[in-house]
């Protein structure tokens, strides 16, 4: 299973069970993306393993310019995205992963889809 910009979805017990059940899983975190830092660890949430920390620029970039750090298997490696200070977290970094701009289902686009079925 591969996730991009995944928030914390459970506590440490959930993370352990997930890691035992899903043997191959990665979470890609782009630079200072704010979403993977939510909800806060202080609230009892914990990431599943393994983080791949993408160091690529904030904008679309060719594959040769993309760099990644493979983090430890804890789910909360203090030398990876957890090392980014809170005031440097940024929603803009959630817009790009692997050099590609994410396409969101905005309200306007959702209205267009709904109008097609009415």
Protein backbone atom coordinates (compact mmCIF):
# COMPACT_ATOMS: atom_id res chain seq x y z
CA UNK A 1 0.00 0.00 0.00
CA UNK A 2 1.35 3.43 -0.93
CA UNK A 3 -0.01 6.68 0.52
CA UNK A 4 0.84 10.26 -0.34
CA UNK A 5 0.39 13.04 2.23
CA UNK A 6 -1.42 10.73 4.66
CA UNK A 7 -2.54 12.16 8.02
CA UNK A 8 -2.16 10.16 11.23
CA UNK A 9 -5.18 7.86 11.37
CA UNK A 10 -4.81 5.97 14.66
CA UNK A 11 -2.92 5.52 17.89
CA UNK A 12 0.23 3.48 18.56
CA UNK A 13 -1.79 0.25 18.98
CA UNK A 14 -3.44 0.82 15.59
CA UNK A 15 -0.06 1.55 13.98
CA UNK A 16 1.43 -1.67 15.39
CA UNK A 17 -1.52 -3.78 14.22
CA UNK A 18 -1.42 -2.13 10.78
CA UNK A 19 2.34 -2.74 10.46
CA UNK A 20 1.90 -6.42 11.42
CA UNK A 21 -1.02 -6.91 9.01
CA UNK A 22 0.10 -4.85 6.01
CA UNK A 23 3.64 -6.07 5.49
CA UNK A 24 4.63 -3.66 2.74
CA UNK A 25 3.44 -0.11 3.11
CA UNK A 26 4.95 3.31 2.48
CA UNK A 27 3.85 6.84 3.28
CA UNK A 28 5.38 9.51 1.08
CA UNK A 29 5.65 12.95 2.72
CA UNK A 30 6.56 15.89 0.51
CA UNK A 31 8.93 18.38 2.15
CA UNK A 32 7.01 20.42 4.75
CA UNK A 33 3.49 19.16 3.94
CA UNK A 34 1.25 20.03 6.89
CA UNK A 35 -1.26 17.18 6.45
CA UNK A 36 0.98 14.31 7.65
CA UNK A 37 1.53 16.20 10.92
CA UNK A 38 -2.19 16.08 11.72
CA UNK A 39 -3.76 15.11 14.05
CA UNK A 40 -1.00 15.87 16.54
CA UNK A 41 1.03 13.18 18.30
CA UNK A 42 0.20 14.94 21.59
CA UNK A 43 -3.42 13.88 20.97
CA UNK A 44 -2.36 10.22 20.97
CA UNK A 45 -2.06 9.71 17.21
CA UNK A 46 0.82 7.80 15.63
CA UNK A 47 1.82 7.17 12.01
CA UNK A 48 2.07 3.74 10.44
CA UNK A 49 5.47 2.80 9.00
CA UNK A 50 7.43 3.47 6.70
CA UNK A 51 7.90 7.08 5.72
CA UNK A 52 9.61 8.09 2.49
CA UNK A 53 10.47 11.79 2.84
CA UNK A 54 10.46 13.55 -0.52
CA UNK A 55 12.87 16.48 -0.73
CA UNK A 56 11.85 17.72 -4.20
CA UNK A 57 10.97 21.37 -4.88
CA UNK A 58 7.45 22.65 -4.19
CA UNK A 59 6.61 22.79 -7.89
CA UNK A 60 6.50 20.26 -10.69
CA UNK A 61 9.99 18.94 -11.25
CA UNK A 62 11.55 16.37 -13.56
CA UNK A 63 12.43 12.97 -12.03
CA UNK A 64 16.16 13.77 -12.06
CA UNK A 65 15.50 16.61 -9.57
CA UNK A 66 13.56 14.48 -7.09
CA UNK A 67 15.31 13.15 -4.01
CA UNK A 68 13.98 10.92 -1.25
CA UNK A 69 15.05 9.81 2.22
CA UNK A 70 13.98 6.37 3.43
CA UNK A 71 13.12 6.79 7.11
CA UNK A 72 13.27 4.26 9.92
CA UNK A 73 10.44 1.80 10.52
CA UNK A 74 9.01 3.57 13.59
CA UNK A 75 6.39 5.61 11.74
CA UNK A 76 7.64 8.71 13.58
CA UNK A 77 11.31 9.05 12.59
CA UNK A 78 12.64 12.23 14.27
CA UNK A 79 15.20 12.66 11.48
CA UNK A 80 12.58 12.78 8.71
CA UNK A 81 9.46 14.97 8.34
CA UNK A 82 9.05 15.03 12.14
CA UNK A 83 12.23 17.14 12.18
CA UNK A 84 10.45 20.05 10.45
CA UNK A 85 9.51 22.79 12.95
CA UNK A 86 5.78 23.53 13.27
CA UNK A 87 6.09 27.05 11.86
CA UNK A 88 7.59 25.62 8.65
CA UNK A 89 4.69 23.25 7.91
CA UNK A 90 2.95 24.38 4.74
CA UNK A 91 -0.20 23.31 2.87
CA UNK A 92 1.42 24.21 -0.46
CA UNK A 93 3.69 21.18 -0.12
CA UNK A 94 0.58 18.99 -0.13
CA UNK A 95 -0.11 20.14 -3.70
CA UNK A 96 2.87 18.36 -5.29
CA UNK A 97 4.03 14.76 -4.95
CA UNK A 98 6.67 13.07 -7.08
CA UNK A 99 6.94 16.16 -9.28
CA UNK A 100 3.24 16.09 -10.12
CA UNK A 101 0.54 18.55 -9.09
CA UNK A 102 -2.28 16.88 -7.21
CA UNK A 103 -5.73 17.40 -8.66
CA UNK A 104 -8.35 18.05 -6.01
CA UNK A 105 -12.06 17.61 -6.31
CA UNK A 106 -12.97 21.24 -5.66
CA UNK A 107 -16.54 22.32 -5.03
CA UNK A 108 -16.79 23.80 -8.55
CA UNK A 109 -15.66 20.52 -10.12
CA UNK A 110 -18.01 18.55 -7.88
CA UNK A 111 -20.92 20.73 -9.01
CA UNK A 112 -20.01 20.02 -12.64
CA UNK A 113 -20.07 16.27 -12.00
CA UNK A 114 -23.40 16.47 -10.15
CA UNK A 115 -24.92 18.61 -12.95
CA UNK A 116 -24.11 15.85 -15.46
CA UNK A 117 -26.37 13.45 -13.56
CA UNK A 118 -29.29 15.85 -13.08
